[in-house]
Amino acid sequence: MAPAFAFRPELLVCDLDGTLVDAQGKAFPGVAEAVEALQASGVVFAVCTGRPYLLARRLLRRVGFSPSLVACYHGALVVDPISRSCLRHLRISADVVGESVSLLHESSLWVTRYDGVRREELRAGEEPPRQPATRLIARGEPGAVELALSQLRCLALPHLRVMRCSAQSLDLLHERAGKGPALAFLAEHCGAALSRVLAVGDDESDLPMLRAAGLGVAVAYTETPITRAANVAVMPDALAELLLSAVCGRGHKIAKRV
């Protein structure tokens, strides 16, 4: 255990589900107030989530968070929710979308296409779209999902990233989408050094941004791969206290695990 230290961030980047809110969509105790205090002290607050933008915005408003920036689809789309301007949009090309959808339908998977804030269900038997997409989600039986994943990896379509997000679903994004690159983009946009970024997450998809940040905090009830990789691990009901320790350099200390 290293000596305790005080960390004063310029930018706070948080995952949403499981980090700021629980499985029922309720904010963890005191976290919204702690984030608001950080914002009042001059820290920029951003959210980085796998959710589509409209769903993320709706949930954030309902539970009382007002981020300056929202990175959706694991960072493929970055939006300023105040001006509603798009700051970054990484899209899968139209040709790659068409080839991917054809293969997924041949594997008997259901496919949903997202492009910015738009969503479209793509039906098997119809001509595959020749339009770009922010994200494709494919769902089906585990065996069919595994086969499609193997085939897509063998095809090695240009600038396509394919992830298995569950036994029954695949997530297709631009190859530069991901929470690590998203955190770097957010820091550059805000003029914040990576060493002065505080990142908070609960899932293995959050690991790249926790590793890229000056201080990576894992939120979990038990030891997991992300708690072992993070600088600091806290239970959800202790997150508010940790965040408050960074407000105005109040002198609270955080024990950093190395």
C-alpha atoms as a PDB file:
ATOM      1  CA  MET A   1       0.000   0.000   0.000  1.00  0.00           C
ATOM      2  CA  ALA A   2       1.485   3.303  -1.089  1.00  0.00           C
ATOM      3  CA  PRO A   3       1.231   6.418   1.078  1.00  0.00           C
ATOM      4  CA  ALA A   4      -2.046   8.291   0.999  1.00  0.00           C
ATOM      5  CA  PHE A   5      -2.232  11.211  -1.386  1.00  0.00           C
ATOM      6  CA  ALA A   6      -4.581  13.973  -2.527  1.00  0.00           C
ATOM      7  CA  PHE A   7      -5.655  14.006  -6.186  1.00  0.00           C
ATOM      8  CA  ARG A   8      -7.010  17.169  -7.790  1.00  0.00           C
ATOM      9  CA  PRO A   9      -8.493  16.408 -11.237  1.00  0.00           C
ATOM     10  CA  GLU A  10      -9.185  18.767 -14.119  1.00  0.00           C
ATOM     11  CA  LEU A  11     -11.522  16.290 -15.796  1.00  0.00           C
ATOM     12  CA  LEU A  12     -13.805  13.609 -14.342  1.00  0.00           C
ATOM     13  CA  VAL A  13     -14.890  10.858 -16.764  1.00  0.00           C
ATOM     14  CA  CYS A  14     -17.425   8.300 -15.508  1.00  0.00           C
ATOM     15  CA  ASP A  15     -19.110   5.266 -16.938  1.00  0.00           C
ATOM     16  CA  LEU A  16     -22.889   5.339 -16.387  1.00  0.00           C
ATOM     17  CA  ASP A  17     -24.498   1.946 -15.657  1.00  0.00           C
ATOM     18  CA  GLY A  18     -23.037   0.273 -12.585  1.00  0.00           C
ATOM     19  CA  THR A  19     -20.863   3.302 -11.835  1.00  0.00           C
ATOM     20  CA  LEU A  20     -23.169   6.289 -11.368  1.00  0.00           C
ATOM     21  CA  VAL A  21     -26.422   4.320 -11.234  1.00  0.00           C
ATOM     22  CA  ASP A  22     -27.413   0.847 -10.061  1.00  0.00           C
ATOM     23  CA  ALA A  23     -29.190  -1.915 -11.973  1.00  0.00           C
ATOM     24  CA  GLN A  24     -32.556  -0.248 -11.270  1.00  0.00           C
ATOM     25  CA  GLY A  25     -31.372   3.035 -12.765  1.00  0.00           C
ATOM     26  CA  LYS A  26     -31.075   4.826  -9.411  1.00  0.00           C
ATOM     27  CA  ALA A  27     -28.083   7.024  -8.595  1.00  0.00           C
ATOM     28  CA  PHE A  28     -25.773   5.640  -5.927  1.00  0.00           C
ATOM     29  CA  PRO A  29     -26.103   7.565  -2.632  1.00  0.00           C
ATOM     30  CA  GLY A  30     -24.570  11.046  -2.662  1.00  0.00           C
ATOM     31  CA  VAL A  31     -22.830  10.642  -6.014  1.00  0.00           C
ATOM     32  CA  ALA A  32     -24.893  13.235  -7.920  1.00  0.00           C
ATOM     33  CA  GLU A  33     -24.238  15.799  -5.182  1.00  0.00           C
ATOM     34  CA  ALA A  34     -20.508  14.975  -5.131  1.00  0.00           C
ATOM     35  CA  VAL A  35     -20.251  15.341  -8.901  1.00  0.00           C
ATOM     36  CA  GLU A  36     -22.120  18.655  -8.730  1.00  0.00           C
ATOM     37  CA  ALA A  37     -19.658  19.882  -6.092  1.00  0.00           C
ATOM     38  CA  LEU A  38     -16.740  18.924  -8.330  1.00  0.00           C
ATOM     39  CA  GLN A  39     -18.298  20.792 -11.244  1.00  0.00           C
ATOM     40  CA  ALA A  40     -18.842  23.862  -9.051  1.00  0.00           C
ATOM     41  CA  SER A  41     -15.139  23.770  -8.153  1.00  0.00           C
ATOM     42  CA  GLY A  42     -14.161  23.935 -11.837  1.00  0.00           C
ATOM     43  CA  VAL A  43     -13.769  20.250 -12.748  1.00  0.00           C
ATOM     44  CA  VAL A  44     -15.222  19.275 -16.132  1.00  0.00           C
ATOM     45  CA  PHE A  45     -17.573  16.281 -15.884  1.00  0.00           C
ATOM     46  CA  ALA A  46     -18.015  13.855 -18.796  1.00  0.00           C
ATOM     47  CA  VAL A  47     -19.843  10.541 -19.139  1.00  0.00           C
ATOM     48  CA  CYS A  48     -18.546   7.683 -21.306  1.00  0.00           C
ATOM     49  CA  THR A  49     -21.113   4.942 -21.869  1.00  0.00           C
ATOM     50  CA  GLY A  50     -22.053   2.164 -24.229  1.00  0.00           C
ATOM     51  CA  ARG A  51     -25.617   3.488 -24.368  1.00  0.00           C
ATOM     52  CA  PRO A  52     -27.044   5.384 -27.352  1.00  0.00           C
ATOM     53  CA  TYR A  53     -27.122   9.138 -26.812  1.00  0.00           C
ATOM     54  CA  LEU A  54     -30.862   9.638 -26.281  1.00  0.00           C
ATOM     55  CA  LEU A  55     -31.108   6.803 -23.748  1.00  0.00           C
ATOM     56  CA  ALA A  56     -28.054   8.101 -21.888  1.00  0.00           C
ATOM     57  CA  ARG A  57     -29.372  11.670 -21.850  1.00  0.00           C
ATOM     58  CA  ARG A  58     -32.783  10.571 -20.582  1.00  0.00           C
ATOM     59  CA  LEU A  59     -31.287   8.573 -17.711  1.00  0.00           C
ATOM     60  CA  LEU A  60     -28.794  11.301 -16.757  1.00  0.00           C
ATOM     61  CA  ARG A  61     -31.555  13.902 -16.555  1.00  0.00           C
ATOM     62  CA  ARG A  62     -33.782  11.629 -14.507  1.00  0.00           C
ATOM     63  CA  VAL A  63     -31.161  10.936 -11.851  1.00  0.00           C
ATOM     64  CA  GLY A  64     -29.800  14.480 -11.659  1.00  0.00           C
ATOM     65  CA  PHE A  65     -26.486  14.500 -13.550  1.00  0.00           C
ATOM     66  CA  SER A  66     -25.541  17.338 -15.931  1.00  0.00           C
ATOM     67  CA  PRO A  67     -22.332  16.409 -17.763  1.00  0.00           C
ATOM     68  CA  SER A  68     -20.601  18.873 -20.052  1.00  0.00           C
ATOM     69  CA  LEU A  69     -19.795  16.074 -22.497  1.00  0.00           C
ATOM     70  CA  VAL A  70     -21.344  12.683 -23.262  1.00  0.00           C
ATOM     71  CA  ALA A  71     -19.444   9.970 -25.137  1.00  0.00           C
ATOM     72  CA  CYS A  72     -21.849   7.263 -26.350  1.00  0.00           C
ATOM     73  CA  TYR A  73     -21.476   3.929 -28.120  1.00  0.00           C
ATOM     74  CA  HIS A  74     -18.198   3.375 -26.225  1.00  0.00           C
ATOM     75  CA  GLY A  75     -16.872   6.692 -27.519  1.00  0.00           C
ATOM     76  CA  ALA A  76     -17.900   6.435 -31.180  1.00  0.00           C
ATOM     77  CA  LEU A  77     -20.154   9.488 -30.741  1.00  0.00           C
ATOM     78  CA  VAL A  78     -19.253  12.467 -28.536  1.00  0.00           C
ATOM     79  CA  VAL A  79     -21.889  15.149 -27.955  1.00  0.00           C
ATOM     80  CA  ASP A  80     -22.009  18.464 -26.130  1.00  0.00           C
ATOM     81  CA  PRO A  81     -25.470  18.116 -24.534  1.00  0.00           C
ATOM     82  CA  ILE A  82     -25.753  21.841 -23.868  1.00  0.00           C
ATOM     83  CA  SER A  83     -25.232  23.024 -27.455  1.00  0.00           C
ATOM     84  CA  ARG A  84     -26.325  19.618 -28.844  1.00  0.00           C
ATOM     85  CA  SER A  85     -23.310  19.744 -31.150  1.00  0.00           C
ATOM     86  CA  CYS A  86     -21.536  16.599 -32.322  1.00  0.00           C
ATOM     87  CA  LEU A  87     -17.838  16.753 -31.486  1.00  0.00           C
ATOM     88  CA  ARG A  88     -16.801  13.349 -32.797  1.00  0.00           C
ATOM     89  CA  HIS A  89     -18.535  10.684 -34.854  1.00  0.00           C
ATOM     90  CA  LEU A  90     -16.763   7.475 -35.860  1.00  0.00           C
ATOM     91  CA  ARG A  91     -18.875   5.538 -38.344  1.00  0.00           C
ATOM     92  CA  ILE A  92     -18.623   2.137 -39.982  1.00  0.00           C
ATOM     93  CA  SER A  93     -18.487   2.676 -43.739  1.00  0.00           C
ATOM     94  CA  ALA A  94     -21.515   1.907 -45.913  1.00  0.00           C
ATOM     95  CA  ASP A  95     -19.757  -0.945 -47.737  1.00  0.00           C
ATOM     96  CA  VAL A  96     -18.660  -2.595 -44.479  1.00  0.00           C
ATOM     97  CA  VAL A  97     -22.174  -2.226 -43.063  1.00  0.00           C
ATOM     98  CA  GLY A  98     -23.615  -3.969 -46.126  1.00  0.00           C
ATOM     99  CA  GLU A  99     -21.150  -6.874 -45.980  1.00  0.00           C
ATOM    100  CA  SER A 100     -21.517  -7.267 -42.215  1.00  0.00           C
ATOM    101  CA  VAL A 101     -25.310  -7.253 -42.271  1.00  0.00           C
ATOM    102  CA  SER A 102     -25.411  -9.835 -45.089  1.00  0.00           C
ATOM    103  CA  LEU A 103     -23.175 -12.176 -43.092  1.00  0.00           C
ATOM    104  CA  LEU A 104     -25.105 -11.641 -39.861  1.00  0.00           C
ATOM    105  CA  HIS A 105     -28.429 -12.343 -41.539  1.00  0.00           C
ATOM    106  CA  GLU A 106     -26.980 -15.484 -43.174  1.00  0.00           C
ATOM    107  CA  SER A 107     -26.115 -16.589 -39.622  1.00  0.00           C
ATOM    108  CA  SER A 108     -29.784 -16.096 -38.602  1.00  0.00           C
ATOM    109  CA  LEU A 109     -29.036 -13.124 -36.351  1.00  0.00           C
ATOM    110  CA  TRP A 110     -31.289 -10.120 -35.775  1.00  0.00           C
ATOM    111  CA  VAL A 111     -29.527  -6.847 -36.535  1.00  0.00           C
ATOM    112  CA  THR A 112     -30.116  -3.316 -35.256  1.00  0.00           C
ATOM    113  CA  ARG A 113     -28.403  -0.385 -36.966  1.00  0.00           C
ATOM    114  CA  TYR A 114     -27.660   2.828 -35.071  1.00  0.00           C
ATOM    115  CA  ASP A 115     -26.534   6.015 -36.768  1.00  0.00           C
ATOM    116  CA  GLY A 116     -26.163   8.941 -34.402  1.00  0.00           C
ATOM    117  CA  VAL A 117     -29.514   9.199 -32.648  1.00  0.00           C
ATOM    118  CA  ARG A 118     -31.358   7.075 -35.212  1.00  0.00           C
ATOM    119  CA  ARG A 119     -32.176   3.391 -34.773  1.00  0.00           C
ATOM    120  CA  GLU A 120     -33.329   0.915 -37.429  1.00  0.00           C
ATOM    121  CA  GLU A 121     -34.220  -2.782 -37.251  1.00  0.00           C
ATOM    122  CA  LEU A 122     -32.779  -4.582 -40.284  1.00  0.00           C
ATOM    123  CA  ARG A 123     -34.902  -7.502 -41.438  1.00  0.00           C
ATOM    124  CA  ALA A 124     -33.498 -10.658 -42.977  1.00  0.00           C
ATOM    125  CA  GLY A 125     -34.487 -11.105 -46.620  1.00  0.00           C
ATOM    126  CA  GLU A 126     -34.371  -7.392 -47.351  1.00  0.00           C
ATOM    127  CA  GLU A 127     -31.555  -5.740 -49.287  1.00  0.00           C
ATOM    128  CA  PRO A 128     -28.767  -4.899 -46.806  1.00  0.00           C
ATOM    129  CA  PRO A 129     -28.414  -1.149 -46.343  1.00  0.00           C
ATOM    130  CA  ARG A 130     -25.558   0.651 -48.045  1.00  0.00           C
ATOM    131  CA  GLN A 131     -25.454   3.365 -45.445  1.00  0.00           C
ATOM    132  CA  PRO A 132     -22.858   4.081 -42.756  1.00  0.00           C
ATOM    133  CA  ALA A 133     -23.579   3.237 -39.133  1.00  0.00           C
ATOM    134  CA  THR A 134     -22.310   4.283 -35.738  1.00  0.00           C
ATOM    135  CA  ARG A 135     -23.011   0.819 -34.393  1.00  0.00           C
ATOM    136  CA  LEU A 136     -24.488  -2.536 -35.335  1.00  0.00           C
ATOM    137  CA  ILE A 137     -25.905  -4.886 -32.701  1.00  0.00           C
ATOM    138  CA  ALA A 138     -26.532  -8.517 -33.671  1.00  0.00           C
ATOM    139  CA  ARG A 139     -28.526 -10.938 -31.510  1.00  0.00           C
ATOM    140  CA  GLY A 140     -29.324 -14.626 -31.715  1.00  0.00           C
ATOM    141  CA  GLU A 141     -28.565 -18.114 -30.446  1.00  0.00           C
ATOM    142  CA  PRO A 142     -25.097 -18.501 -28.854  1.00  0.00           C
ATOM    143  CA  GLY A 143     -23.902 -20.955 -31.509  1.00  0.00           C
ATOM    144  CA  ALA A 144     -24.934 -18.634 -34.340  1.00  0.00           C
ATOM    145  CA  VAL A 145     -23.312 -15.677 -32.587  1.00  0.00           C
ATOM    146  CA  GLU A 146     -20.050 -17.605 -32.183  1.00  0.00           C
ATOM    147  CA  LEU A 147     -20.056 -18.607 -35.856  1.00  0.00           C
ATOM    148  CA  ALA A 148     -20.723 -15.059 -37.045  1.00  0.00           C
ATOM    149  CA  LEU A 149     -17.959 -13.718 -34.810  1.00  0.00           C
ATOM    150  CA  SER A 150     -15.476 -16.202 -36.276  1.00  0.00           C
ATOM    151  CA  GLN A 151     -16.512 -15.380 -39.841  1.00  0.00           C
ATOM    152  CA  LEU A 152     -16.297 -11.613 -39.304  1.00  0.00           C
ATOM    153  CA  ARG A 153     -12.824 -11.947 -37.816  1.00  0.00           C
ATOM    154  CA  CYS A 154     -11.719 -14.037 -40.787  1.00  0.00           C
ATOM    155  CA  LEU A 155     -13.080 -11.430 -43.203  1.00  0.00           C
ATOM    156  CA  ALA A 156     -11.113  -8.678 -41.437  1.00  0.00           C
ATOM    157  CA  LEU A 157     -13.310  -5.943 -42.890  1.00  0.00           C
ATOM    158  CA  PRO A 158     -11.545  -2.543 -42.910  1.00  0.00           C
ATOM    159  CA  HIS A 159     -11.792  -0.348 -39.829  1.00  0.00           C
ATOM    160  CA  LEU A 160     -14.282  -2.662 -38.108  1.00  0.00           C
ATOM    161  CA  ARG A 161     -14.135  -3.689 -34.459  1.00  0.00           C
ATOM    162  CA  VAL A 162     -16.241  -6.716 -33.435  1.00  0.00           C
ATOM    163  CA  MET A 163     -16.868  -7.533 -29.771  1.00  0.00           C
ATOM    164  CA  ARG A 164     -18.914 -10.280 -28.162  1.00  0.00           C
ATOM    165  CA  CYS A 165     -20.847  -8.400 -25.492  1.00  0.00           C
ATOM    166  CA  SER A 166     -22.799 -11.464 -24.298  1.00  0.00           C
ATOM    167  CA  ALA A 167     -23.383 -15.094 -25.255  1.00  0.00           C
ATOM    168  CA  GLN A 168     -26.263 -13.936 -27.447  1.00  0.00           C
ATOM    169  CA  SER A 169     -25.027 -10.662 -28.943  1.00  0.00           C
ATOM    170  CA  LEU A 170     -22.277  -8.985 -30.949  1.00  0.00           C
ATOM    171  CA  ASP A 171     -21.309  -5.311 -30.989  1.00  0.00           C
ATOM    172  CA  LEU A 172     -19.831  -3.851 -34.190  1.00  0.00           C
ATOM    173  CA  LEU A 173     -18.140  -0.430 -34.071  1.00  0.00           C
ATOM    174  CA  HIS A 174     -15.492   1.589 -35.869  1.00  0.00           C
ATOM    175  CA  GLU A 175     -12.044   0.273 -34.954  1.00  0.00           C
ATOM    176  CA  ARG A 176     -11.098   3.540 -33.213  1.00  0.00           C
ATOM    177  CA  ALA A 177     -14.139   3.443 -30.926  1.00  0.00           C
ATOM    178  CA  GLY A 178     -13.402   2.485 -27.327  1.00  0.00           C
ATOM    179  CA  LYS A 179     -13.306   4.092 -23.930  1.00  0.00           C
ATOM    180  CA  GLY A 180      -9.530   4.549 -23.898  1.00  0.00           C
ATOM    181  CA  PRO A 181      -9.442   6.614 -27.111  1.00  0.00           C
ATOM    182  CA  ALA A 182     -12.628   8.385 -25.975  1.00  0.00           C
ATOM    183  CA  LEU A 183     -10.978   9.505 -22.738  1.00  0.00           C
ATOM    184  CA  ALA A 184      -7.964  10.800 -24.692  1.00  0.00           C
ATOM    185  CA  PHE A 185     -10.303  12.740 -27.004  1.00  0.00           C
ATOM    186  CA  LEU A 186     -12.245  14.220 -24.080  1.00  0.00           C
ATOM    187  CA  ALA A 187      -9.035  15.277 -22.323  1.00  0.00           C
ATOM    188  CA  GLU A 188      -7.657  16.927 -25.459  1.00  0.00           C
ATOM    189  CA  HIS A 189     -10.960  18.682 -26.112  1.00  0.00           C
ATOM    190  CA  CYS A 190     -10.995  20.076 -22.561  1.00  0.00           C
ATOM    191  CA  GLY A 191      -7.294  20.927 -22.552  1.00  0.00           C
ATOM    192  CA  ALA A 192      -6.692  18.592 -19.615  1.00  0.00           C
ATOM    193  CA  ALA A 193      -3.515  16.578 -19.140  1.00  0.00           C
ATOM    194  CA  LEU A 194      -4.153  12.837 -18.925  1.00  0.00           C
ATOM    195  CA  SER A 195      -2.315  12.863 -15.605  1.00  0.00           C
ATOM    196  CA  ARG A 196      -5.057  15.148 -14.248  1.00  0.00           C
ATOM    197  CA  VAL A 197      -7.976  12.970 -15.367  1.00  0.00           C
ATOM    198  CA  LEU A 198     -10.010  10.972 -12.844  1.00  0.00           C
ATOM    199  CA  ALA A 199     -11.802   8.040 -14.528  1.00  0.00           C
ATOM    200  CA  VAL A 200     -14.399   5.845 -12.826  1.00  0.00           C
ATOM    201  CA  GLY A 201     -15.872   2.573 -14.107  1.00  0.00           C
ATOM    202  CA  ASP A 202     -17.165  -0.848 -13.106  1.00  0.00           C
ATOM    203  CA  ASP A 203     -16.850  -3.083 -16.165  1.00  0.00           C
ATOM    204  CA  GLU A 204     -13.995  -4.603 -18.140  1.00  0.00           C
ATOM    205  CA  SER A 205     -14.954  -2.331 -21.062  1.00  0.00           C
ATOM    206  CA  ASP A 206     -13.932   0.567 -18.790  1.00  0.00           C
ATOM    207  CA  LEU A 207     -10.398  -0.762 -18.284  1.00  0.00           C
ATOM    208  CA  PRO A 208      -8.790   1.187 -21.171  1.00  0.00           C
ATOM    209  CA  MET A 209     -10.000   4.536 -19.821  1.00  0.00           C
ATOM    210  CA  LEU A 210      -9.002   3.682 -16.249  1.00  0.00           C
ATOM    211  CA  ARG A 211      -5.511   2.771 -17.457  1.00  0.00           C
ATOM    212  CA  ALA A 212      -5.216   5.962 -19.536  1.00  0.00           C
ATOM    213  CA  ALA A 213      -6.262   8.288 -16.708  1.00  0.00           C
ATOM    214  CA  GLY A 214      -4.069   9.802 -14.033  1.00  0.00           C
ATOM    215  CA  LEU A 215      -6.255   8.057 -11.465  1.00  0.00           C
ATOM    216  CA  GLY A 216      -8.424   5.074 -12.373  1.00  0.00           C
ATOM    217  CA  VAL A 217     -11.139   4.134  -9.886  1.00  0.00           C
ATOM    218  CA  ALA A 218     -13.038   0.841 -10.019  1.00  0.00           C
ATOM    219  CA  VAL A 219     -16.510   0.595  -8.483  1.00  0.00           C
ATOM    220  CA  ALA A 220     -17.338  -2.931  -7.335  1.00  0.00           C
ATOM    221  CA  TYR A 221     -18.693  -4.982  -4.459  1.00  0.00           C
ATOM    222  CA  THR A 222     -16.110  -7.769  -4.854  1.00  0.00           C
ATOM    223  CA  GLU A 223     -12.662  -8.232  -6.346  1.00  0.00           C
ATOM    224  CA  THR A 224     -12.771  -8.400 -10.151  1.00  0.00           C
ATOM    225  CA  PRO A 225     -10.285  -7.960 -13.004  1.00  0.00           C
ATOM    226  CA  ILE A 226     -11.105  -4.255 -13.098  1.00  0.00           C
ATOM    227  CA  THR A 227     -10.488  -3.778  -9.357  1.00  0.00           C
ATOM    228  CA  ARG A 228      -7.112  -5.458  -9.722  1.00  0.00           C
ATOM    229  CA  ALA A 229      -6.142  -3.201 -12.636  1.00  0.00           C
ATOM    230  CA  ALA A 230      -7.395   0.103 -11.180  1.00  0.00           C
ATOM    231  CA  ASN A 231      -5.383   2.437  -8.937  1.00  0.00           C
ATOM    232  CA  VAL A 232      -8.217   2.524  -6.411  1.00  0.00           C
ATOM    233  CA  ALA A 233     -11.223   0.269  -5.806  1.00  0.00           C
ATOM    234  CA  VAL A 234     -14.294   1.390  -3.847  1.00  0.00           C
ATOM    235  CA  MET A 235     -17.741   0.033  -3.153  1.00  0.00           C
ATOM    236  CA  PRO A 236     -20.589   2.013  -4.739  1.00  0.00           C
ATOM    237  CA  ASP A 237     -21.669   3.599  -1.437  1.00  0.00           C
ATOM    238  CA  ALA A 238     -18.115   4.939  -0.918  1.00  0.00           C
ATOM    239  CA  LEU A 239     -17.789   6.623  -4.333  1.00  0.00           C
ATOM    240  CA  ALA A 240     -19.340   9.913  -3.193  1.00  0.00           C
ATOM    241  CA  GLU A 241     -16.791  10.300  -0.397  1.00  0.00           C
ATOM    242  CA  LEU A 242     -13.929   9.632  -2.788  1.00  0.00           C
ATOM    243  CA  LEU A 243     -15.201  12.243  -5.244  1.00  0.00           C
ATOM    244  CA  LEU A 244     -15.696  14.796  -2.486  1.00  0.00           C
ATOM    245  CA  SER A 245     -12.077  14.316  -1.459  1.00  0.00           C
ATOM    246  CA  ALA A 246     -11.080  15.977  -4.732  1.00  0.00           C
ATOM    247  CA  VAL A 247     -13.299  19.053  -4.281  1.00  0.00           C
ATOM    248  CA  CYS A 248     -11.187  22.180  -3.894  1.00  0.00           C
ATOM    249  CA  GLY A 249      -8.304  20.131  -2.442  1.00  0.00           C
ATOM    250  CA  ARG A 250     -10.186  19.871   0.831  1.00  0.00           C
ATOM    251  CA  GLY A 251      -7.435  17.799   2.376  1.00  0.00           C
ATOM    252  CA  HIS A 252      -9.226  14.465   2.295  1.00  0.00           C
ATOM    253  CA  LYS A 253      -6.848  11.702   1.350  1.00  0.00           C
ATOM    254  CA  ILE A 254      -7.281   8.730  -0.946  1.00  0.00           C
ATOM    255  CA  ALA A 255      -5.327   5.551  -0.354  1.00  0.00           C
ATOM    256  CA  LYS A 256      -3.801   4.585  -3.666  1.00  0.00           C
ATOM    257  CA  ARG A 257      -3.323   0.890  -4.351  1.00  0.00           C
ATOM    258  CA  VAL A 258      -0.331   0.027  -6.527  1.00  0.00           C
END
